[in-house]
Amino acid sequence: MQNFLALFAIVLGSAVLGVCLAFGMRRQRQAQRPHHHDEASPHF
């Protein structure tokens, strides 16, 4: 039973970490998008 709880805690922690990482990367990408758009579009 202790093994199962430890495994469950590891899986749950990995899932939470993955979700936080994905959310952070998505937010960072959204914040950087205008910069990339400005660089990609030609300035006349």
PDB file of N, CA and C in Angstrom:
ATOM      1  N   MET A   1       0.836  -1.204   0.000  1.00  0.00           N
ATOM      2  CA  MET A   1       0.000   0.000   0.000  1.00  0.00           C
ATOM      3  C   MET A   1       0.873   1.257   0.000  1.00  0.00           C
ATOM      4  N   GLN A   2       1.965   1.226   0.763  1.00  0.00           N
ATOM      5  CA  GLN A   2       2.847   2.389   0.812  1.00  0.00           C
ATOM      6  C   GLN A   2       3.478   2.639  -0.561  1.00  0.00           C
ATOM      7  N   ASN A   3       3.805   1.548  -1.254  1.00  0.00           N
ATOM      8  CA  ASN A   3       4.388   1.676  -2.586  1.00  0.00           C
ATOM      9  C   ASN A   3       3.408   2.351  -3.530  1.00  0.00           C
ATOM     10  N   PHE A   4       2.146   1.930  -3.431  1.00  0.00           N
ATOM     11  CA  PHE A   4       1.110   2.495  -4.299  1.00  0.00           C
ATOM     12  C   PHE A   4       0.949   3.993  -4.039  1.00  0.00           C
ATOM     13  N   LEU A   5       0.962   4.374  -2.763  1.00  0.00           N
ATOM     14  CA  LEU A   5       0.807   5.794  -2.416  1.00  0.00           C
ATOM     15  C   LEU A   5       1.990   6.601  -2.946  1.00  0.00           C
ATOM     16  N   ALA A   6       3.194   6.051  -2.822  1.00  0.00           N
ATOM     17  CA  ALA A   6       4.380   6.752  -3.316  1.00  0.00           C
ATOM     18  C   ALA A   6       4.302   6.913  -4.831  1.00  0.00           C
ATOM     19  N   LEU A   7       3.914   5.848  -5.527  1.00  0.00           N
ATOM     20  CA  LEU A   7       3.785   5.894  -6.986  1.00  0.00           C
ATOM     21  C   LEU A   7       2.732   6.920  -7.385  1.00  0.00           C
ATOM     22  N   PHE A   8       1.603   6.914  -6.663  1.00  0.00           N
ATOM     23  CA  PHE A   8       0.513   7.853  -6.957  1.00  0.00           C
ATOM     24  C   PHE A   8       0.987   9.299  -6.759  1.00  0.00           C
ATOM     25  N   ALA A   9       1.744   9.535  -5.688  1.00  0.00           N
ATOM     26  CA  ALA A   9       2.248  10.883  -5.414  1.00  0.00           C
ATOM     27  C   ALA A   9       3.200  11.336  -6.521  1.00  0.00           C
ATOM     28  N   ILE A  10       4.050  10.426  -6.992  1.00  0.00           N
ATOM     29  CA  ILE A  10       5.005  10.761  -8.054  1.00  0.00           C
ATOM     30  C   ILE A  10       4.258  11.082  -9.344  1.00  0.00           C
ATOM     31  N   VAL A  11       3.273  10.246  -9.682  1.00  0.00           N
ATOM     32  CA  VAL A  11       2.506  10.461 -10.915  1.00  0.00           C
ATOM     33  C   VAL A  11       1.738  11.774 -10.835  1.00  0.00           C
ATOM     34  N   LEU A  12       1.109  12.018  -9.692  1.00  0.00           N
ATOM     35  CA  LEU A  12       0.332  13.245  -9.513  1.00  0.00           C
ATOM     36  C   LEU A  12       1.251  14.470  -9.597  1.00  0.00           C
ATOM     37  N   GLY A  13       2.406  14.395  -8.949  1.00  0.00           N
ATOM     38  CA  GLY A  13       3.350  15.509  -8.988  1.00  0.00           C
ATOM     39  C   GLY A  13       3.840  15.772 -10.406  1.00  0.00           C
ATOM     40  N   SER A  14       4.129  14.703 -11.146  1.00  0.00           N
ATOM     41  CA  SER A  14       4.590  14.860 -12.524  1.00  0.00           C
ATOM     42  C   SER A  14       3.502  15.506 -13.372  1.00  0.00           C
ATOM     43  N   ALA A  15       2.256  15.082 -13.170  1.00  0.00           N
ATOM     44  CA  ALA A  15       1.139  15.632 -13.943  1.00  0.00           C
ATOM     45  C   ALA A  15       0.973  17.124 -13.652  1.00  0.00           C
ATOM     46  N   VAL A  16       1.011  17.479 -12.376  1.00  0.00           N
ATOM     47  CA  VAL A  16       0.848  18.894 -11.995  1.00  0.00           C
ATOM     48  C   VAL A  16       1.991  19.721 -12.575  1.00  0.00           C
ATOM     49  N   LEU A  17       3.212  19.195 -12.471  1.00  0.00           N
ATOM     50  CA  LEU A  17       4.379  19.903 -12.992  1.00  0.00           C
ATOM     51  C   LEU A  17       4.253  20.081 -14.509  1.00  0.00           C
ATOM     52  N   GLY A  18       3.825  19.030 -15.190  1.00  0.00           N
ATOM     53  CA  GLY A  18       3.662  19.104 -16.642  1.00  0.00           C
ATOM     54  C   GLY A  18       2.622  20.139 -17.043  1.00  0.00           C
ATOM     55  N   VAL A  19       1.504  20.170 -16.323  1.00  0.00           N
ATOM     56  CA  VAL A  19       0.440  21.132 -16.634  1.00  0.00           C
ATOM     57  C   VAL A  19       0.945  22.555 -16.405  1.00  0.00           C
ATOM     58  N   CYS A  20       1.633  22.763 -15.287  1.00  0.00           N
ATOM     59  CA  CYS A  20       2.167  24.101 -14.979  1.00  0.00           C
ATOM     60  C   CYS A  20       3.182  24.520 -16.042  1.00  0.00           C
ATOM     61  N   LEU A  21       4.030  23.588 -16.456  1.00  0.00           N
ATOM     62  CA  LEU A  21       5.048  23.897 -17.448  1.00  0.00           C
ATOM     63  C   LEU A  21       4.398  24.246 -18.786  1.00  0.00           C
ATOM     64  N   ALA A  22       3.400  23.455 -19.189  1.00  0.00           N
ATOM     65  CA  ALA A  22       2.711  23.712 -20.455  1.00  0.00           C
ATOM     66  C   ALA A  22       1.992  25.055 -20.408  1.00  0.00           C
ATOM     67  N   PHE A  23       1.343  25.345 -19.272  1.00  0.00           N
ATOM     68  CA  PHE A  23       0.617  26.612 -19.127  1.00  0.00           C
ATOM     69  C   PHE A  23       1.588  27.789 -19.183  1.00  0.00           C
ATOM     70  N   GLY A  24       2.730  27.647 -18.514  1.00  0.00           N
ATOM     71  CA  GLY A  24       3.729  28.713 -18.515  1.00  0.00           C
ATOM     72  C   GLY A  24       4.302  28.939 -19.901  1.00  0.00           C
ATOM     73  N   MET A  25       4.600  27.868 -20.634  1.00  0.00           N
ATOM     74  CA  MET A  25       5.142  28.000 -21.980  1.00  0.00           C
ATOM     75  C   MET A  25       4.124  28.653 -22.899  1.00  0.00           C
ATOM     76  N   ARG A  26       2.846  28.261 -22.736  1.00  0.00           N
ATOM     77  CA  ARG A  26       1.796  28.831 -23.580  1.00  0.00           C
ATOM     78  C   ARG A  26       1.647  30.329 -23.306  1.00  0.00           C
ATOM     79  N   ARG A  27       1.696  30.703 -22.021  1.00  0.00           N
ATOM     80  CA  ARG A  27       1.585  32.126 -21.665  1.00  0.00           C
ATOM     81  C   ARG A  27       2.773  32.908 -22.216  1.00  0.00           C
ATOM     82  N   GLN A  28       3.968  32.303 -22.110  1.00  0.00           N
ATOM     83  CA  GLN A  28       5.171  32.971 -22.598  1.00  0.00           C
ATOM     84  C   GLN A  28       5.087  33.163 -24.113  1.00  0.00           C
ATOM     85  N   ARG A  29       4.598  32.138 -24.820  1.00  0.00           N
ATOM     86  CA  ARG A  29       4.490  32.210 -26.272  1.00  0.00           C
ATOM     87  C   ARG A  29       3.485  33.295 -26.669  1.00  0.00           C
ATOM     88  N   GLN A  30       2.370  33.386 -25.935  1.00  0.00           N
ATOM     89  CA  GLN A  30       1.365  34.406 -26.235  1.00  0.00           C
ATOM     90  C   GLN A  30       1.940  35.796 -26.003  1.00  0.00           C
ATOM     91  N   ALA A  31       2.774  35.950 -24.992  1.00  0.00           N
ATOM     92  CA  ALA A  31       3.358  37.254 -24.686  1.00  0.00           C
ATOM     93  C   ALA A  31       4.393  37.632 -25.746  1.00  0.00           C
ATOM     94  N   GLN A  32       5.074  36.642 -26.316  1.00  0.00           N
ATOM     95  CA  GLN A  32       6.119  36.919 -27.303  1.00  0.00           C
ATOM     96  C   GLN A  32       5.564  37.066 -28.716  1.00  0.00           C
ATOM     97  N   ARG A  33       4.329  36.612 -28.945  1.00  0.00           N
ATOM     98  CA  ARG A  33       3.774  36.591 -30.300  1.00  0.00           C
ATOM     99  C   ARG A  33       3.800  37.978 -30.962  1.00  0.00           C
ATOM    100  N   PRO A  34       3.377  39.057 -30.284  1.00  0.00           N
ATOM    101  CA  PRO A  34       3.407  40.372 -30.938  1.00  0.00           C
ATOM    102  C   PRO A  34       4.801  40.767 -31.416  1.00  0.00           C
ATOM    103  N   HIS A  35       5.836  40.453 -30.622  1.00  0.00           N
ATOM    104  CA  HIS A  35       7.200  40.789 -31.013  1.00  0.00           C
ATOM    105  C   HIS A  35       7.575  40.082 -32.312  1.00  0.00           C
ATOM    106  N   HIS A  36       7.287  38.771 -32.365  1.00  0.00           N
ATOM    107  CA  HIS A  36       7.624  38.006 -33.560  1.00  0.00           C
ATOM    108  C   HIS A  36       6.835  38.535 -34.754  1.00  0.00           C
ATOM    109  N   HIS A  37       5.600  38.908 -34.525  1.00  0.00           N
ATOM    110  CA  HIS A  37       4.761  39.416 -35.609  1.00  0.00           C
ATOM    111  C   HIS A  37       5.343  40.730 -36.141  1.00  0.00           C
ATOM    112  N   ASP A  38       5.794  41.592 -35.242  1.00  0.00           N
ATOM    113  CA  ASP A  38       6.376  42.869 -35.657  1.00  0.00           C
ATOM    114  C   ASP A  38       7.663  42.641 -36.461  1.00  0.00           C
ATOM    115  N   GLU A  39       8.458  41.662 -36.023  1.00  0.00           N
ATOM    116  CA  GLU A  39       9.716  41.382 -36.724  1.00  0.00           C
ATOM    117  C   GLU A  39       9.448  40.775 -38.098  1.00  0.00           C
ATOM    118  N   ALA A  40       8.407  39.937 -38.186  1.00  0.00           N
ATOM    119  CA  ALA A  40       8.115  39.246 -39.439  1.00  0.00           C
ATOM    120  C   ALA A  40       7.515  40.217 -40.458  1.00  0.00           C
ATOM    121  N   SER A  41       6.676  41.145 -40.009  1.00  0.00           N
ATOM    122  CA  SER A  41       6.027  42.066 -40.952  1.00  0.00           C
ATOM    123  C   SER A  41       7.011  43.160 -41.374  1.00  0.00           C
ATOM    124  N   PRO A  42       7.073  43.462 -42.669  1.00  0.00           N
ATOM    125  CA  PRO A  42       8.001  44.508 -43.137  1.00  0.00           C
ATOM    126  C   PRO A  42       7.528  45.896 -42.723  1.00  0.00           C
ATOM    127  N   HIS A  43       8.476  46.762 -42.396  1.00  0.00           N
ATOM    128  CA  HIS A  43       8.123  48.131 -41.991  1.00  0.00           C
ATOM    129  C   HIS A  43       8.351  49.072 -43.175  1.00  0.00           C
ATOM    130  N   PHE A  44       7.293  49.744 -43.592  1.00  0.00           N
ATOM    131  CA  PHE A  44       7.415  50.694 -44.700  1.00  0.00           C
ATOM    132  C   PHE A  44       7.251  52.111 -44.181  1.00  0.00           C
TER     133      PHE A  44
END
